[in-house]
PDB file of N, CA and C in Angstrom:
ATOM      1  N   MET A   1      -6.093 -10.447   5.194  1.00  0.00           N
ATOM      2  CA  MET A   1      -5.538 -12.013   4.764  1.00  0.00           C
ATOM      3  C   MET A   1      -4.614 -12.470   4.325  1.00  0.00           C
ATOM      4  N   VAL A   2      -4.595 -14.039   4.787  1.00  0.00           N
ATOM      5  CA  VAL A   2      -3.163 -14.298   5.460  1.00  0.00           C
ATOM      6  C   VAL A   2      -3.268 -15.159   3.515  1.00  0.00           C
ATOM      7  N   ILE A   3      -1.266 -14.979   3.308  1.00  0.00           N
ATOM      8  CA  ILE A   3      -0.440 -15.436   2.447  1.00  0.00           C
ATOM      9  C   ILE A   3       0.146 -16.286   2.520  1.00  0.00           C
ATOM     10  N   PHE A   4       1.100 -16.669   2.006  1.00  0.00           N
ATOM     11  CA  PHE A   4       2.457 -17.284   2.250  1.00  0.00           C
ATOM     12  C   PHE A   4       3.286 -16.901   1.293  1.00  0.00           C
ATOM     13  N   VAL A   5       4.898 -15.821   2.031  1.00  0.00           N
ATOM     14  CA  VAL A   5       5.860 -15.898   0.954  1.00  0.00           C
ATOM     15  C   VAL A   5       7.096 -16.679   1.546  1.00  0.00           C
ATOM     16  N   ASN A   6       7.530 -17.033   0.643  1.00  0.00           N
ATOM     17  CA  ASN A   6       8.702 -17.660   0.622  1.00  0.00           C
ATOM     18  C   ASN A   6       8.955 -18.919   2.248  1.00  0.00           C
ATOM     19  N   GLY A   7       7.398 -19.092   1.846  1.00  0.00           N
ATOM     20  CA  GLY A   7       7.071 -20.599   3.223  1.00  0.00           C
ATOM     21  C   GLY A   7       6.854 -19.148   4.114  1.00  0.00           C
ATOM     22  N   GLN A   8       6.641 -18.114   4.139  1.00  0.00           N
ATOM     23  CA  GLN A   8       6.401 -17.345   5.530  1.00  0.00           C
ATOM     24  C   GLN A   8       5.100 -17.130   6.007  1.00  0.00           C
ATOM     25  N   GLU A   9       4.205 -17.114   6.901  1.00  0.00           N
ATOM     26  CA  GLU A   9       3.027 -16.740   6.657  1.00  0.00           C
ATOM     27  C   GLU A   9       2.591 -15.360   7.064  1.00  0.00           C
ATOM     28  N   LYS A  10       2.374 -14.552   6.111  1.00  0.00           N
ATOM     29  CA  LYS A  10       2.449 -12.872   6.216  1.00  0.00           C
ATOM     30  C   LYS A  10       0.408 -12.861   5.685  1.00  0.00           C
ATOM     31  N   GLN A  11       0.733 -11.632   7.066  1.00  0.00           N
ATOM     32  CA  GLN A  11      -1.220 -10.873   6.228  1.00  0.00           C
ATOM     33  C   GLN A  11      -0.449  -9.456   5.642  1.00  0.00           C
ATOM     34  N   VAL A  12      -1.557  -9.189   4.736  1.00  0.00           N
ATOM     35  CA  VAL A  12      -1.903  -7.922   3.743  1.00  0.00           C
ATOM     36  C   VAL A  12      -3.011  -7.982   3.718  1.00  0.00           C
ATOM     37  N   SER A  13      -3.117  -6.697   3.172  1.00  0.00           N
ATOM     38  CA  SER A  13      -5.116  -6.491   3.260  1.00  0.00           C
ATOM     39  C   SER A  13      -5.903  -7.357   1.267  1.00  0.00           C
ATOM     40  N   THR A  14      -6.901  -7.425   1.838  1.00  0.00           N
ATOM     41  CA  THR A  14      -7.514  -7.853   0.646  1.00  0.00           C
ATOM     42  C   THR A  14      -7.366  -6.806  -0.249  1.00  0.00           C
ATOM     43  N   GLY A  15      -7.211  -7.419  -1.598  1.00  0.00           N
ATOM     44  CA  GLY A  15      -7.274  -6.020  -2.891  1.00  0.00           C
ATOM     45  C   GLY A  15      -5.707  -6.313  -3.118  1.00  0.00           C
ATOM     46  N   HIS A  16      -5.091  -6.065  -2.181  1.00  0.00           N
ATOM     47  CA  HIS A  16      -3.301  -6.201  -2.715  1.00  0.00           C
ATOM     48  C   HIS A  16      -2.884  -7.081  -4.338  1.00  0.00           C
ATOM     49  N   THR A  17      -2.097  -6.684  -5.106  1.00  0.00           N
ATOM     50  CA  THR A  17      -1.740  -7.053  -5.677  1.00  0.00           C
ATOM     51  C   THR A  17      -0.102  -7.469  -5.503  1.00  0.00           C
ATOM     52  N   ALA A  18      -0.016  -8.324  -6.515  1.00  0.00           N
ATOM     53  CA  ALA A  18       1.554  -9.099  -6.141  1.00  0.00           C
ATOM     54  C   ALA A  18       2.755  -8.221  -6.502  1.00  0.00           C
ATOM     55  N   HIS A  19       2.593  -7.254  -7.147  1.00  0.00           N
ATOM     56  CA  HIS A  19       3.247  -5.986  -7.327  1.00  0.00           C
ATOM     57  C   HIS A  19       3.223  -4.525  -6.065  1.00  0.00           C
ATOM     58  N   ASP A  20       1.497  -5.061  -5.343  1.00  0.00           N
ATOM     59  CA  ASP A  20       2.114  -4.017  -3.983  1.00  0.00           C
ATOM     60  C   ASP A  20       2.578  -5.007  -3.273  1.00  0.00           C
ATOM     61  N   LEU A  21       2.660  -6.366  -2.979  1.00  0.00           N
ATOM     62  CA  LEU A  21       3.631  -6.710  -2.710  1.00  0.00           C
ATOM     63  C   LEU A  21       4.880  -6.611  -2.506  1.00  0.00           C
ATOM     64  N   LEU A  22       5.545  -6.961  -3.654  1.00  0.00           N
ATOM     65  CA  LEU A  22       6.666  -6.345  -3.494  1.00  0.00           C
ATOM     66  C   LEU A  22       7.152  -4.997  -3.974  1.00  0.00           C
ATOM     67  N   LEU A  23       6.300  -4.303  -3.483  1.00  0.00           N
ATOM     68  CA  LEU A  23       6.421  -2.863  -2.528  1.00  0.00           C
ATOM     69  C   LEU A  23       6.758  -2.754  -1.093  1.00  0.00           C
ATOM     70  N   LEU A  24       5.668  -4.116  -0.681  1.00  0.00           N
ATOM     71  CA  LEU A  24       5.533  -3.958   0.930  1.00  0.00           C
ATOM     72  C   LEU A  24       6.935  -4.323   1.369  1.00  0.00           C
ATOM     73  N   LEU A  25       7.827  -5.711   0.455  1.00  0.00           N
ATOM     74  CA  LEU A  25       8.458  -6.565   0.582  1.00  0.00           C
ATOM     75  C   LEU A  25       9.806  -5.694   0.481  1.00  0.00           C
ATOM     76  N   GLY A  26       9.689  -4.548   0.069  1.00  0.00           N
ATOM     77  CA  GLY A  26      11.213  -3.850  -0.653  1.00  0.00           C
ATOM     78  C   GLY A  26      12.013  -3.831  -1.860  1.00  0.00           C
ATOM     79  N   PHE A  27      10.889  -4.659  -2.594  1.00  0.00           N
ATOM     80  CA  PHE A  27      12.181  -5.157  -4.002  1.00  0.00           C
ATOM     81  C   PHE A  27      11.599  -4.318  -5.023  1.00  0.00           C
ATOM     82  N   GLU A  28      11.246  -2.812  -5.129  1.00  0.00           N
ATOM     83  CA  GLU A  28      10.827  -2.102  -5.880  1.00  0.00           C
ATOM     84  C   GLU A  28      11.916  -1.607  -6.831  1.00  0.00           C
ATOM     85  N   GLY A  29      11.744  -2.087  -8.137  1.00  0.00           N
ATOM     86  CA  GLY A  29      13.219  -1.406  -8.624  1.00  0.00           C
ATOM     87  C   GLY A  29      14.697  -2.786  -8.876  1.00  0.00           C
ATOM     88  N   ARG A  30      13.826  -3.877  -8.041  1.00  0.00           N
ATOM     89  CA  ARG A  30      15.211  -5.013  -7.869  1.00  0.00           C
ATOM     90  C   ARG A  30      14.607  -6.022  -8.416  1.00  0.00           C
ATOM     91  N   PRO A  31      15.821  -6.814  -9.086  1.00  0.00           N
ATOM     92  CA  PRO A  31      15.500  -7.514 -10.190  1.00  0.00           C
ATOM     93  C   PRO A  31      14.691  -8.962  -9.821  1.00  0.00           C
ATOM     94  N   VAL A  32      13.664  -9.571  -9.877  1.00  0.00           N
ATOM     95  CA  VAL A  32      13.340 -10.289  -8.761  1.00  0.00           C
ATOM     96  C   VAL A  32      12.536 -11.186  -9.597  1.00  0.00           C
ATOM     97  N   ALA A  33      12.007 -12.381  -9.575  1.00  0.00           N
ATOM     98  CA  ALA A  33      11.323 -13.749 -10.096  1.00  0.00           C
ATOM     99  C   ALA A  33      10.409 -13.950  -9.205  1.00  0.00           C
ATOM    100  N   VAL A  34       8.640 -14.145  -9.738  1.00  0.00           N
ATOM    101  CA  VAL A  34       7.800 -14.016  -8.895  1.00  0.00           C
ATOM    102  C   VAL A  34       6.550 -15.472  -9.360  1.00  0.00           C
ATOM    103  N   GLU A  35       6.920 -16.367  -8.464  1.00  0.00           N
ATOM    104  CA  GLU A  35       5.929 -17.414  -8.206  1.00  0.00           C
ATOM    105  C   GLU A  35       4.444 -17.169  -7.376  1.00  0.00           C
ATOM    106  N   LEU A  36       3.419 -17.442  -8.290  1.00  0.00           N
ATOM    107  CA  LEU A  36       2.378 -17.540  -7.589  1.00  0.00           C
ATOM    108  C   LEU A  36       1.022 -18.711  -7.766  1.00  0.00           C
ATOM    109  N   ASN A  37       1.570 -19.111  -6.543  1.00  0.00           N
ATOM    110  CA  ASN A  37       1.045 -20.806  -6.256  1.00  0.00           C
ATOM    111  C   ASN A  37       1.153 -21.470  -7.661  1.00  0.00           C
ATOM    112  N   LYS A  38       3.130 -21.560  -8.139  1.00  0.00           N
ATOM    113  CA  LYS A  38       3.955 -22.449  -8.631  1.00  0.00           C
ATOM    114  C   LYS A  38       3.454 -21.560 -10.533  1.00  0.00           C
ATOM    115  N   GLU A  39       3.085 -20.597 -10.404  1.00  0.00           N
ATOM    116  CA  GLU A  39       3.034 -20.421 -12.077  1.00  0.00           C
ATOM    117  C   GLU A  39       3.950 -19.421 -11.894  1.00  0.00           C
ATOM    118  N   VAL A  40       4.678 -19.139 -12.705  1.00  0.00           N
ATOM    119  CA  VAL A  40       5.580 -18.031 -12.624  1.00  0.00           C
ATOM    120  C   VAL A  40       5.317 -16.382 -13.028  1.00  0.00           C
ATOM    121  N   VAL A  41       5.135 -15.658 -12.711  1.00  0.00           N
ATOM    122  CA  VAL A  41       3.949 -14.148 -13.381  1.00  0.00           C
ATOM    123  C   VAL A  41       5.319 -13.601 -13.576  1.00  0.00           C
ATOM    124  N   PRO A  42       4.947 -13.021 -15.273  1.00  0.00           N
ATOM    125  CA  PRO A  42       5.932 -11.920 -15.785  1.00  0.00           C
ATOM    126  C   PRO A  42       5.936 -10.396 -15.243  1.00  0.00           C
ATOM    127  N   ARG A  43       6.676  -9.805 -15.086  1.00  0.00           N
ATOM    128  CA  ARG A  43       7.049  -8.716 -14.645  1.00  0.00           C
ATOM    129  C   ARG A  43       5.474  -8.292 -14.782  1.00  0.00           C
ATOM    130  N   ALA A  44       5.661  -8.104 -16.039  1.00  0.00           N
ATOM    131  CA  ALA A  44       4.206  -6.813 -17.142  1.00  0.00           C
ATOM    132  C   ALA A  44       2.878  -6.938 -16.771  1.00  0.00           C
ATOM    133  N   PHE A  45       3.152  -8.258 -15.795  1.00  0.00           N
ATOM    134  CA  PHE A  45       1.855  -8.898 -15.460  1.00  0.00           C
ATOM    135  C   PHE A  45       1.320  -8.533 -13.800  1.00  0.00           C
ATOM    136  N   LEU A  46       2.612  -8.061 -12.629  1.00  0.00           N
ATOM    137  CA  LEU A  46       2.391  -8.519 -11.713  1.00  0.00           C
ATOM    138  C   LEU A  46       1.113  -7.243 -10.971  1.00  0.00           C
ATOM    139  N   THR A  47       1.153  -6.631 -11.838  1.00  0.00           N
ATOM    140  CA  THR A  47      -0.376  -5.129 -11.396  1.00  0.00           C
ATOM    141  C   THR A  47      -1.651  -6.127 -11.587  1.00  0.00           C
ATOM    142  N   ASP A  48      -1.585  -6.479 -12.281  1.00  0.00           N
ATOM    143  CA  ASP A  48      -2.640  -8.050 -12.454  1.00  0.00           C
ATOM    144  C   ASP A  48      -3.470  -8.934 -11.751  1.00  0.00           C
ATOM    145  N   ARG A  49      -2.204  -9.221 -11.496  1.00  0.00           N
ATOM    146  CA  ARG A  49      -2.688 -10.495 -10.303  1.00  0.00           C
ATOM    147  C   ARG A  49      -3.140  -9.610  -8.861  1.00  0.00           C
ATOM    148  N   VAL A  50      -4.317  -9.750  -8.785  1.00  0.00           N
ATOM    149  CA  VAL A  50      -4.765  -9.515  -7.146  1.00  0.00           C
ATOM    150  C   VAL A  50      -4.537 -11.190  -6.506  1.00  0.00           C
ATOM    151  N   LEU A  51      -4.000 -10.724  -5.054  1.00  0.00           N
ATOM    152  CA  LEU A  51      -3.617 -11.663  -4.388  1.00  0.00           C
ATOM    153  C   LEU A  51      -5.173 -12.205  -3.599  1.00  0.00           C
ATOM    154  N   GLN A  52      -5.217 -13.617  -3.327  1.00  0.00           N
ATOM    155  CA  GLN A  52      -6.095 -14.297  -2.542  1.00  0.00           C
ATOM    156  C   GLN A  52      -5.749 -14.794  -1.455  1.00  0.00           C
ATOM    157  N   GLU A  53      -6.869 -15.316  -0.400  1.00  0.00           N
ATOM    158  CA  GLU A  53      -6.500 -15.877   0.777  1.00  0.00           C
ATOM    159  C   GLU A  53      -5.760 -16.956   0.857  1.00  0.00           C
ATOM    160  N   HIS A  54      -4.542 -17.167   1.054  1.00  0.00           N
ATOM    161  CA  HIS A  54      -4.258 -18.686   1.101  1.00  0.00           C
ATOM    162  C   HIS A  54      -2.915 -18.681   0.391  1.00  0.00           C
ATOM    163  N   ASP A  55      -3.048 -18.050  -0.862  1.00  0.00           N
ATOM    164  CA  ASP A  55      -2.026 -17.829  -2.048  1.00  0.00           C
ATOM    165  C   ASP A  55      -0.708 -17.828  -1.849  1.00  0.00           C
ATOM    166  N   CYS A  56      -0.141 -18.520  -2.028  1.00  0.00           N
ATOM    167  CA  CYS A  56       1.563 -18.853  -2.054  1.00  0.00           C
ATOM    168  C   CYS A  56       2.380 -18.411  -2.944  1.00  0.00           C
ATOM    169  N   VAL A  57       3.188 -17.510  -2.701  1.00  0.00           N
ATOM    170  CA  VAL A  57       3.703 -16.937  -3.690  1.00  0.00           C
ATOM    171  C   VAL A  57       5.524 -16.952  -3.389  1.00  0.00           C
ATOM    172  N   GLU A  58       6.232 -17.300  -3.695  1.00  0.00           N
ATOM    173  CA  GLU A  58       7.435 -17.096  -4.086  1.00  0.00           C
ATOM    174  C   GLU A  58       8.704 -15.567  -4.424  1.00  0.00           C
ATOM    175  N   VAL A  59       9.057 -15.376  -3.895  1.00  0.00           N
ATOM    176  CA  VAL A  59       9.874 -14.850  -4.669  1.00  0.00           C
ATOM    177  C   VAL A  59      11.715 -14.178  -4.155  1.00  0.00           C
ATOM    178  N   VAL A  60      12.234 -14.909  -5.616  1.00  0.00           N
ATOM    179  CA  VAL A  60      13.654 -14.817  -5.996  1.00  0.00           C
ATOM    180  C   VAL A  60      14.183 -13.933  -6.118  1.00  0.00           C
ATOM    181  N   THR A  61      15.092 -13.551  -5.490  1.00  0.00           N
ATOM    182  CA  THR A  61      16.150 -12.000  -5.929  1.00  0.00           C
ATOM    183  C   THR A  61      16.859 -12.547  -7.268  1.00  0.00           C
ATOM    184  N   LEU A  62      17.488 -12.377  -8.048  1.00  0.00           N
ATOM    185  CA  LEU A  62      18.952 -11.974  -9.030  1.00  0.00           C
ATOM    186  C   LEU A  62      19.619 -11.718  -8.935  1.00  0.00           C
ATOM    187  N   VAL A  63      21.072 -12.773  -8.908  1.00  0.00           N
ATOM    188  CA  VAL A  63      22.178 -11.649  -8.118  1.00  0.00           C
ATOM    189  C   VAL A  63      23.414 -12.248  -9.198  1.00  0.00           C
ATOM    190  N   GLY A  64      24.214 -10.983  -9.985  1.00  0.00           N
ATOM    191  CA  GLY A  64      24.982 -11.956 -10.714  1.00  0.00           C
ATOM    192  C   GLY A  64      25.911 -11.934  -9.893  1.00  0.00           C
ATOM    193  N   GLY A  65      26.969 -13.124 -11.177  1.00  0.00           N
ATOM    194  CA  GLY A  65      28.415 -13.065 -10.569  1.00  0.00           C
ATOM    195  C   GLY A  65      29.077 -14.263 -11.797  1.00  0.00           C
ATOM    196  N   GLY A  66      29.829 -14.365 -11.339  1.00  0.00           N
ATOM    197  CA  GLY A  66      31.138 -14.887 -12.058  1.00  0.00           C
ATOM    198  C   GLY A  66      31.717 -16.116 -11.238  1.00  0.00           C
TER     199      GLY A  66
END
C-alpha cells in the first residue's frame, strides 16, 4: 500500500505499524518524534498504530546541541 513519509511516497505492506515503519527506515533506538495524519503518536503507542492507505507520516529526528 502507499503511504507518505516526510512528503515522499513509500510502499509498505498492509498491516505495518508505525513502529514497523521506524524499523524499516532505520530509526530503531534513535530519538525521534512521529506524527501520523497531523497527530503526534507517543512512542509507547507506535506498535498499536496500524498504517492505512495514504496515511501521512512525519518522522522528526531529535538532535542535541548548544
